[in-house]
C-alpha atoms as a PDB file:
ATOM      1  CA  UNK A   1      18.025   5.673  44.727  1.00  0.00           C
ATOM      2  CA  UNK A   2      15.390   2.963  44.712  1.00  0.00           C
ATOM      3  CA  UNK A   3      14.228   1.454  47.947  1.00  0.00           C
ATOM      4  CA  UNK A   4      13.056  -2.127  47.817  1.00  0.00           C
ATOM      5  CA  UNK A   5      10.740  -3.143  50.653  1.00  0.00           C
ATOM      6  CA  UNK A   6       9.059  -6.350  51.659  1.00  0.00           C
ATOM      7  CA  UNK A   7       5.815  -6.039  53.600  1.00  0.00           C
ATOM      8  CA  UNK A   8       4.657  -8.449  56.271  1.00  0.00           C
ATOM      9  CA  UNK A   9       1.725  -8.741  58.663  1.00  0.00           C
ATOM     10  CA  UNK A  10       3.677  -9.610  61.782  1.00  0.00           C
ATOM     11  CA  UNK A  11       1.126  -8.395  64.341  1.00  0.00           C
ATOM     12  CA  UNK A  12       2.995  -5.336  65.587  1.00  0.00           C
ATOM     13  CA  UNK A  13       0.394  -3.134  67.291  1.00  0.00           C
ATOM     14  CA  UNK A  14      -0.142   0.392  66.033  1.00  0.00           C
ATOM     15  CA  UNK A  15       1.290   2.926  68.513  1.00  0.00           C
ATOM     16  CA  UNK A  16      -1.595   5.309  67.717  1.00  0.00           C
ATOM     17  CA  UNK A  17      -4.721   3.121  67.893  1.00  0.00           C
ATOM     18  CA  UNK A  18      -3.452  -0.268  69.135  1.00  0.00           C
ATOM     19  CA  UNK A  19      -4.807  -2.182  66.131  1.00  0.00           C
ATOM     20  CA  UNK A  20      -2.984  -5.243  64.866  1.00  0.00           C
ATOM     21  CA  UNK A  21      -4.038  -4.443  61.259  1.00  0.00           C
ATOM     22  CA  UNK A  22      -0.534  -3.207  60.500  1.00  0.00           C
ATOM     23  CA  UNK A  23       2.026  -3.833  57.804  1.00  0.00           C
ATOM     24  CA  UNK A  24       5.706  -3.807  58.636  1.00  0.00           C
ATOM     25  CA  UNK A  25       7.819  -2.717  55.689  1.00  0.00           C
ATOM     26  CA  UNK A  26      11.327  -4.173  55.810  1.00  0.00           C
ATOM     27  CA  UNK A  27      13.759  -2.361  53.531  1.00  0.00           C
ATOM     28  CA  UNK A  28      16.875  -4.068  52.233  1.00  0.00           C
ATOM     29  CA  UNK A  29      18.761  -0.874  53.125  1.00  0.00           C
ATOM     30  CA  UNK A  30      18.385  -1.815  56.800  1.00  0.00           C
ATOM     31  CA  UNK A  31      15.384   0.087  58.149  1.00  0.00           C
ATOM     32  CA  UNK A  32      11.738  -0.722  58.882  1.00  0.00           C
ATOM     33  CA  UNK A  33       8.539   1.313  58.662  1.00  0.00           C
ATOM     34  CA  UNK A  34       5.116   0.592  60.143  1.00  0.00           C
ATOM     35  CA  UNK A  35       1.794   1.355  58.449  1.00  0.00           C
ATOM     36  CA  UNK A  36      -1.639   0.914  60.080  1.00  0.00           C
ATOM     37  CA  UNK A  37      -4.594  -0.050  57.861  1.00  0.00           C
ATOM     38  CA  UNK A  38      -7.086   0.824  60.619  1.00  0.00           C
ATOM     39  CA  UNK A  39      -6.203   4.465  61.385  1.00  0.00           C
ATOM     40  CA  UNK A  40      -3.715   5.424  58.661  1.00  0.00           C
ATOM     41  CA  UNK A  41      -0.708   5.808  60.973  1.00  0.00           C
ATOM     42  CA  UNK A  42       2.662   5.806  59.212  1.00  0.00           C
ATOM     43  CA  UNK A  43       5.909   5.715  61.129  1.00  0.00           C
ATOM     44  CA  UNK A  44       7.571   7.826  58.432  1.00  0.00           C
ATOM     45  CA  UNK A  45       4.916  10.589  58.553  1.00  0.00           C
ATOM     46  CA  UNK A  46       7.257  13.038  60.322  1.00  0.00           C
ATOM     47  CA  UNK A  47       9.929  12.689  57.673  1.00  0.00           C
ATOM     48  CA  UNK A  48       7.391  13.062  54.854  1.00  0.00           C
ATOM     49  CA  UNK A  49       5.974  16.214  56.452  1.00  0.00           C
ATOM     50  CA  UNK A  50       9.456  17.709  56.720  1.00  0.00           C
ATOM     51  CA  UNK A  51      10.093  16.998  53.022  1.00  0.00           C
ATOM     52  CA  UNK A  52       6.795  18.622  51.992  1.00  0.00           C
ATOM     53  CA  UNK A  53       7.505  21.668  54.171  1.00  0.00           C
ATOM     54  CA  UNK A  54      10.684  22.460  52.243  1.00  0.00           C
ATOM     55  CA  UNK A  55       9.619  24.436  49.193  1.00  0.00           C
ATOM     56  CA  UNK A  56      12.913  24.118  47.345  1.00  0.00           C
ATOM     57  CA  UNK A  57      13.091  27.877  46.822  1.00  0.00           C
ATOM     58  CA  UNK A  58      16.507  29.422  46.438  1.00  0.00           C
ATOM     59  CA  UNK A  59      17.459  31.627  49.341  1.00  0.00           C
ATOM     60  CA  UNK A  60      19.531  34.702  48.687  1.00  0.00           C
ATOM     61  CA  UNK A  61      21.769  36.396  51.183  1.00  0.00           C
ATOM     62  CA  UNK A  62      21.218  39.801  49.631  1.00  0.00           C
ATOM     63  CA  UNK A  63      17.876  40.597  47.989  1.00  0.00           C
ATOM     64  CA  UNK A  64      19.683  42.882  45.515  1.00  0.00           C
ATOM     65  CA  UNK A  65      22.034  40.148  44.309  1.00  0.00           C
ATOM     66  CA  UNK A  66      20.922  38.590  41.010  1.00  0.00           C
ATOM     67  CA  UNK A  67      20.510  34.840  40.734  1.00  0.00           C
ATOM     68  CA  UNK A  68      23.055  33.437  38.231  1.00  0.00           C
ATOM     69  CA  UNK A  69      21.619  32.292  34.913  1.00  0.00           C
ATOM     70  CA  UNK A  70      21.576  28.512  34.373  1.00  0.00           C
ATOM     71  CA  UNK A  71      24.698  27.195  32.693  1.00  0.00           C
ATOM     72  CA  UNK A  72      26.877  30.131  33.664  1.00  0.00           C
ATOM     73  CA  UNK A  73      29.738  29.498  36.110  1.00  0.00           C
ATOM     74  CA  UNK A  74      29.488  30.989  39.581  1.00  0.00           C
ATOM     75  CA  UNK A  75      32.155  33.477  40.575  1.00  0.00           C
ATOM     76  CA  UNK A  76      33.494  33.637  44.098  1.00  0.00           C
END
Protein backbone atom coordinates (compact mmCIF):
# COMPACT_ATOMS: atom_id res chain seq x y z
CA UNK A 1 0.00 0.00 0.00
CA UNK A 2 1.39 3.38 -0.95
CA UNK A 3 0.71 6.37 1.21
CA UNK A 4 0.58 9.72 -0.52
CA UNK A 5 1.22 12.70 1.74
CA UNK A 6 1.24 16.43 1.25
CA UNK A 7 3.45 18.45 3.58
CA UNK A 8 2.67 21.94 4.81
CA UNK A 9 4.24 24.46 7.16
CA UNK A 10 1.11 25.44 9.04
CA UNK A 11 2.79 26.65 12.24
CA UNK A 12 1.73 23.83 14.54
CA UNK A 13 4.10 23.95 17.53
CA UNK A 14 6.20 20.91 18.34
CA UNK A 15 4.89 19.18 21.48
CA UNK A 16 8.48 18.33 22.49
CA UNK A 17 10.40 21.60 22.04
CA UNK A 18 7.71 24.18 21.17
CA UNK A 19 9.36 25.18 17.88
CA UNK A 20 7.22 26.27 14.96
CA UNK A 21 9.73 24.74 12.48
CA UNK A 22 7.37 21.82 11.89
CA UNK A 23 5.93 20.09 8.87
CA UNK A 24 2.44 18.66 8.99
CA UNK A 25 2.05 15.67 6.70
CA UNK A 26 -1.53 15.24 5.49
CA UNK A 27 -2.20 11.78 4.08
CA UNK A 28 -5.00 11.18 1.61
CA UNK A 29 -5.90 8.10 3.67
CA UNK A 30 -7.24 10.44 6.37
CA UNK A 31 -4.49 10.85 8.96
CA UNK A 32 -1.86 13.48 9.77
CA UNK A 33 1.67 13.28 11.14
CA UNK A 34 3.86 16.02 12.59
CA UNK A 35 7.62 16.32 12.09
CA UNK A 36 9.86 18.90 13.81
CA UNK A 37 12.92 20.19 11.92
CA UNK A 38 14.36 21.73 15.11
CA UNK A 39 14.53 18.72 17.46
CA UNK A 40 13.68 15.74 15.23
CA UNK A 41 10.35 14.92 16.89
CA UNK A 42 8.07 12.66 14.85
CA UNK A 43 4.52 11.96 15.89
CA UNK A 44 4.76 8.46 14.40
CA UNK A 45 7.95 7.55 16.34
CA UNK A 46 6.08 5.19 18.70
CA UNK A 47 4.61 3.20 15.84
CA UNK A 48 7.98 3.00 14.06
CA UNK A 49 9.67 1.77 17.24
CA UNK A 50 7.05 -0.94 17.65
CA UNK A 51 7.61 -2.10 14.06
CA UNK A 52 11.40 -2.25 14.55
CA UNK A 53 10.99 -4.16 17.82
CA UNK A 54 9.20 -7.02 16.07
CA UNK A 55 11.91 -9.27 14.66
CA UNK A 56 9.62 -11.27 12.40
CA UNK A 57 10.91 -14.54 13.83
CA UNK A 58 8.59 -17.52 13.73
CA UNK A 59 7.44 -18.60 17.15
CA UNK A 60 6.90 -22.27 17.81
CA UNK A 61 4.60 -23.70 20.42
CA UNK A 62 6.79 -26.75 20.92
CA UNK A 63 10.56 -26.45 20.48
CA UNK A 64 10.65 -30.07 19.24
CA UNK A 65 8.15 -29.46 16.45
CA UNK A 66 9.80 -28.97 13.05
CA UNK A 67 9.02 -25.90 10.99
CA UNK A 68 7.26 -26.94 7.74
CA UNK A 69 9.34 -26.64 4.59
CA UNK A 70 8.32 -23.82 2.22
CA UNK A 71 5.79 -24.88 -0.38
CA UNK A 72 4.51 -27.86 1.58
CA UNK A 73 0.92 -27.75 2.86
CA UNK A 74 0.36 -27.48 6.59
CA UNK A 75 -1.49 -30.32 8.26
CA UNK A 76 -3.90 -29.72 11.10
